[in-house]
């Protein structure tokens, strides 16, 4: 799978990002999230389990 932005060419700032639903930190597109990027809401397992609320 290729990154969704054709201008990527190794420049990570060209990748899409969105905030984590629990902690608000920006998440940058990852290759393993390529098929599910629209459904990705949390940056980590800790945030997914609700432990990242105070961060």
C-alpha atoms as a PDB file:
ATOM      1  CA  UNK A   1       0.000   0.000   0.000  1.00  0.00           C
ATOM      2  CA  UNK A   2       1.204   3.472  -0.829  1.00  0.00           C
ATOM      3  CA  UNK A   3       0.550   6.570   1.274  1.00  0.00           C
ATOM      4  CA  UNK A   4      -2.581   8.428   0.168  1.00  0.00           C
ATOM      5  CA  UNK A   5      -0.581  11.497  -0.859  1.00  0.00           C
ATOM      6  CA  UNK A   6       1.406  10.986  -4.091  1.00  0.00           C
ATOM      7  CA  UNK A   7       3.837  13.766  -3.044  1.00  0.00           C
ATOM      8  CA  UNK A   8       5.114  11.700  -0.077  1.00  0.00           C
ATOM      9  CA  UNK A   9       8.548  10.643  -1.422  1.00  0.00           C
ATOM     10  CA  UNK A  10       9.927  10.138   2.113  1.00  0.00           C
ATOM     11  CA  UNK A  11       8.705  13.490   3.442  1.00  0.00           C
ATOM     12  CA  UNK A  12       6.674  12.604   6.541  1.00  0.00           C
ATOM     13  CA  UNK A  13       5.190  16.092   6.783  1.00  0.00           C
ATOM     14  CA  UNK A  14       3.280  15.348   3.543  1.00  0.00           C
ATOM     15  CA  UNK A  15       1.357  12.483   5.185  1.00  0.00           C
ATOM     16  CA  UNK A  16      -2.190  13.067   6.447  1.00  0.00           C
ATOM     17  CA  UNK A  17      -2.785  13.377  10.177  1.00  0.00           C
ATOM     18  CA  UNK A  18      -5.691  13.674  12.597  1.00  0.00           C
ATOM     19  CA  UNK A  19      -6.051  14.093  16.376  1.00  0.00           C
ATOM     20  CA  UNK A  20      -6.477  11.170  18.768  1.00  0.00           C
ATOM     21  CA  UNK A  21     -10.025  10.983  20.145  1.00  0.00           C
ATOM     22  CA  UNK A  22      -8.771  10.431  23.712  1.00  0.00           C
ATOM     23  CA  UNK A  23      -5.659  12.565  24.206  1.00  0.00           C
ATOM     24  CA  UNK A  24      -5.785  14.971  21.243  1.00  0.00           C
ATOM     25  CA  UNK A  25      -2.239  14.264  20.078  1.00  0.00           C
ATOM     26  CA  UNK A  26      -1.786  14.272  16.298  1.00  0.00           C
ATOM     27  CA  UNK A  27      -1.627  10.846  14.650  1.00  0.00           C
ATOM     28  CA  UNK A  28       0.226  10.567  11.344  1.00  0.00           C
ATOM     29  CA  UNK A  29      -0.801   8.057   8.681  1.00  0.00           C
ATOM     30  CA  UNK A  30       0.932   4.674   8.987  1.00  0.00           C
ATOM     31  CA  UNK A  31       1.231   1.975   6.378  1.00  0.00           C
ATOM     32  CA  UNK A  32      -0.518  -0.585   8.605  1.00  0.00           C
ATOM     33  CA  UNK A  33      -3.480   1.812   8.885  1.00  0.00           C
ATOM     34  CA  UNK A  34      -3.780   2.165   5.097  1.00  0.00           C
ATOM     35  CA  UNK A  35      -6.965   0.100   4.779  1.00  0.00           C
ATOM     36  CA  UNK A  36      -8.621   1.406   7.955  1.00  0.00           C
ATOM     37  CA  UNK A  37      -7.444   5.041   8.157  1.00  0.00           C
ATOM     38  CA  UNK A  38     -11.034   6.323   8.199  1.00  0.00           C
ATOM     39  CA  UNK A  39     -11.832   4.155  11.244  1.00  0.00           C
ATOM     40  CA  UNK A  40      -8.644   4.873  13.245  1.00  0.00           C
ATOM     41  CA  UNK A  41      -9.578   6.979  16.303  1.00  0.00           C
ATOM     42  CA  UNK A  42      -6.893   6.358  18.923  1.00  0.00           C
ATOM     43  CA  UNK A  43      -3.114   6.743  18.857  1.00  0.00           C
ATOM     44  CA  UNK A  44      -2.378   3.806  21.180  1.00  0.00           C
ATOM     45  CA  UNK A  45      -3.852   0.902  23.116  1.00  0.00           C
ATOM     46  CA  UNK A  46      -3.706   2.996  26.299  1.00  0.00           C
ATOM     47  CA  UNK A  47      -5.921   5.682  24.738  1.00  0.00           C
ATOM     48  CA  UNK A  48      -8.262   3.048  23.335  1.00  0.00           C
ATOM     49  CA  UNK A  49      -8.742   1.606  26.837  1.00  0.00           C
ATOM     50  CA  UNK A  50      -9.500   5.051  28.264  1.00  0.00           C
ATOM     51  CA  UNK A  51      -6.256   5.527  30.179  1.00  0.00           C
ATOM     52  CA  UNK A  52      -5.104   8.437  28.030  1.00  0.00           C
ATOM     53  CA  UNK A  53      -7.836  10.872  29.100  1.00  0.00           C
ATOM     54  CA  UNK A  54      -5.592  12.996  31.306  1.00  0.00           C
ATOM     55  CA  UNK A  55      -2.687  13.273  28.903  1.00  0.00           C
END
